[in-house]
Amino acid sequence: MAGFEPQAWWDTIRRARLFRVLAVYFGASFAIIQLVDIFTDQLGLPDWFFPGATALLLIGLPIVVATALVQSVASPSPAASPAQNTAADVAGVAKHWLT
């Protein structure tokens, strides 16, 4: 098992455009929270609606991050090391579910 390689992690994060994905997700989450707050006041939605929407947004965050990371993994190349092939194989299987 290879050790922790900060440069490899940084390259993966940059390739996944993780900061852009998170910025869009947090911006959309903020807008949704504001809309839920307005609709709760105006339409008289139940008290559990706001915490429920917040919980769903928090559950969605790791899914969005995982999808961005899985979609950024390149296909295995013939010259790739076995560890890189394994990561690409796992990503290939996960790409079916995380699109």
Protein backbone atom coordinates (compact mmCIF):
# COMPACT_ATOMS: atom_id res chain seq x y z
CA MET A 1 0.00 0.00 0.00
CA ALA A 2 1.43 3.33 -1.02
CA GLY A 3 1.91 6.12 1.51
CA PHE A 4 0.05 9.39 1.56
CA GLU A 5 1.08 11.49 -1.41
CA PRO A 6 -0.15 15.09 -1.07
CA GLN A 7 0.68 15.92 -4.69
CA ALA A 8 -1.41 13.01 -5.98
CA TRP A 9 -4.37 14.11 -3.84
CA TRP A 10 -4.02 17.70 -4.99
CA ASP A 11 -3.91 16.57 -8.63
CA THR A 12 -7.05 14.50 -8.12
CA ILE A 13 -8.86 17.44 -6.51
CA ARG A 14 -7.84 19.77 -9.34
CA ARG A 15 -8.78 17.23 -12.02
CA ALA A 16 -12.20 16.78 -10.38
CA ARG A 17 -12.71 20.56 -10.24
CA LEU A 18 -13.78 19.94 -6.66
CA PHE A 19 -13.65 23.60 -5.60
CA ARG A 20 -15.93 24.61 -8.49
CA VAL A 21 -18.34 21.76 -7.73
CA LEU A 22 -18.44 22.71 -4.04
CA ALA A 23 -18.97 26.40 -4.84
CA VAL A 24 -21.94 25.57 -7.06
CA TYR A 25 -23.33 23.12 -4.50
CA PHE A 26 -23.05 25.56 -1.59
CA GLY A 27 -24.52 28.39 -3.68
CA ALA A 28 -27.49 26.25 -4.69
CA SER A 29 -27.86 25.00 -1.11
CA PHE A 30 -27.97 28.57 0.18
CA ALA A 31 -30.68 29.45 -2.35
CA ILE A 32 -32.69 26.36 -1.42
CA ILE A 33 -32.44 27.12 2.30
CA GLN A 34 -33.62 30.67 1.66
CA LEU A 35 -36.56 29.45 -0.42
CA VAL A 36 -37.50 26.86 2.20
CA ASP A 37 -37.41 29.55 4.88
CA ILE A 38 -39.63 31.86 2.82
CA PHE A 39 -42.07 29.09 1.89
CA THR A 40 -42.23 27.88 5.49
CA ASP A 41 -43.27 31.36 6.63
CA GLN A 42 -45.60 32.15 3.72
CA LEU A 43 -47.28 28.78 3.19
CA GLY A 44 -47.30 27.56 6.77
CA LEU A 45 -45.26 24.43 6.12
CA PRO A 46 -44.69 22.14 9.14
CA ASP A 47 -41.83 22.80 11.58
CA TRP A 48 -39.90 19.73 10.43
CA PHE A 49 -39.65 20.98 6.85
CA PHE A 50 -36.62 23.27 7.33
CA PRO A 51 -34.51 20.70 9.27
CA GLY A 52 -35.58 18.03 6.77
CA ALA A 53 -34.40 20.11 3.82
CA THR A 54 -31.12 20.85 5.61
CA ALA A 55 -30.60 17.14 6.35
CA LEU A 56 -31.20 16.24 2.70
CA LEU A 57 -28.66 18.85 1.59
CA LEU A 58 -26.10 17.47 4.06
CA ILE A 59 -26.73 13.91 2.86
CA GLY A 60 -26.26 15.06 -0.73
CA LEU A 61 -22.89 16.73 -0.08
CA PRO A 62 -20.75 13.55 0.12
CA ILE A 63 -22.62 12.13 -2.87
CA VAL A 64 -21.76 15.19 -4.96
CA VAL A 65 -18.11 15.07 -3.84
CA ALA A 66 -17.85 11.33 -4.58
CA THR A 67 -19.41 11.83 -8.00
CA ALA A 68 -16.95 14.60 -8.86
CA LEU A 69 -13.99 12.48 -7.77
CA VAL A 70 -15.16 9.31 -9.53
CA GLN A 71 -15.90 11.14 -12.78
CA SER A 72 -12.41 12.67 -12.77
CA VAL A 73 -10.52 9.34 -12.68
CA ALA A 74 -9.09 8.54 -16.11
CA SER A 75 -9.37 5.14 -17.76
CA PRO A 76 -6.46 2.78 -17.04
CA SER A 77 -3.56 3.03 -19.43
CA PRO A 78 -1.38 0.07 -20.42
CA ALA A 79 1.65 1.64 -18.72
CA ALA A 80 -0.20 2.38 -15.45
CA SER A 81 0.90 0.73 -12.24
CA PRO A 82 -1.31 -1.96 -10.68
CA ALA A 83 -2.45 0.47 -7.96
CA GLN A 84 -3.53 2.99 -10.61
CA ASN A 85 -5.34 0.25 -12.56
CA THR A 86 -7.22 -0.78 -9.41
CA ALA A 87 -8.35 2.79 -8.73
CA ALA A 88 -9.46 3.19 -12.33
CA ASP A 89 -11.30 -0.18 -12.24
CA VAL A 90 -13.18 0.84 -9.08
CA ALA A 91 -13.97 4.20 -10.64
CA GLY A 92 -15.21 2.46 -13.78
CA VAL A 93 -17.69 0.42 -11.74
CA ALA A 94 -18.73 3.45 -9.67
CA LYS A 95 -19.21 5.64 -12.78
CA HIS A 96 -22.27 3.59 -13.61
CA TRP A 97 -23.92 4.64 -10.34
CA LEU A 98 -22.41 8.13 -9.90
CA THR A 99 -23.15 10.06 -13.07
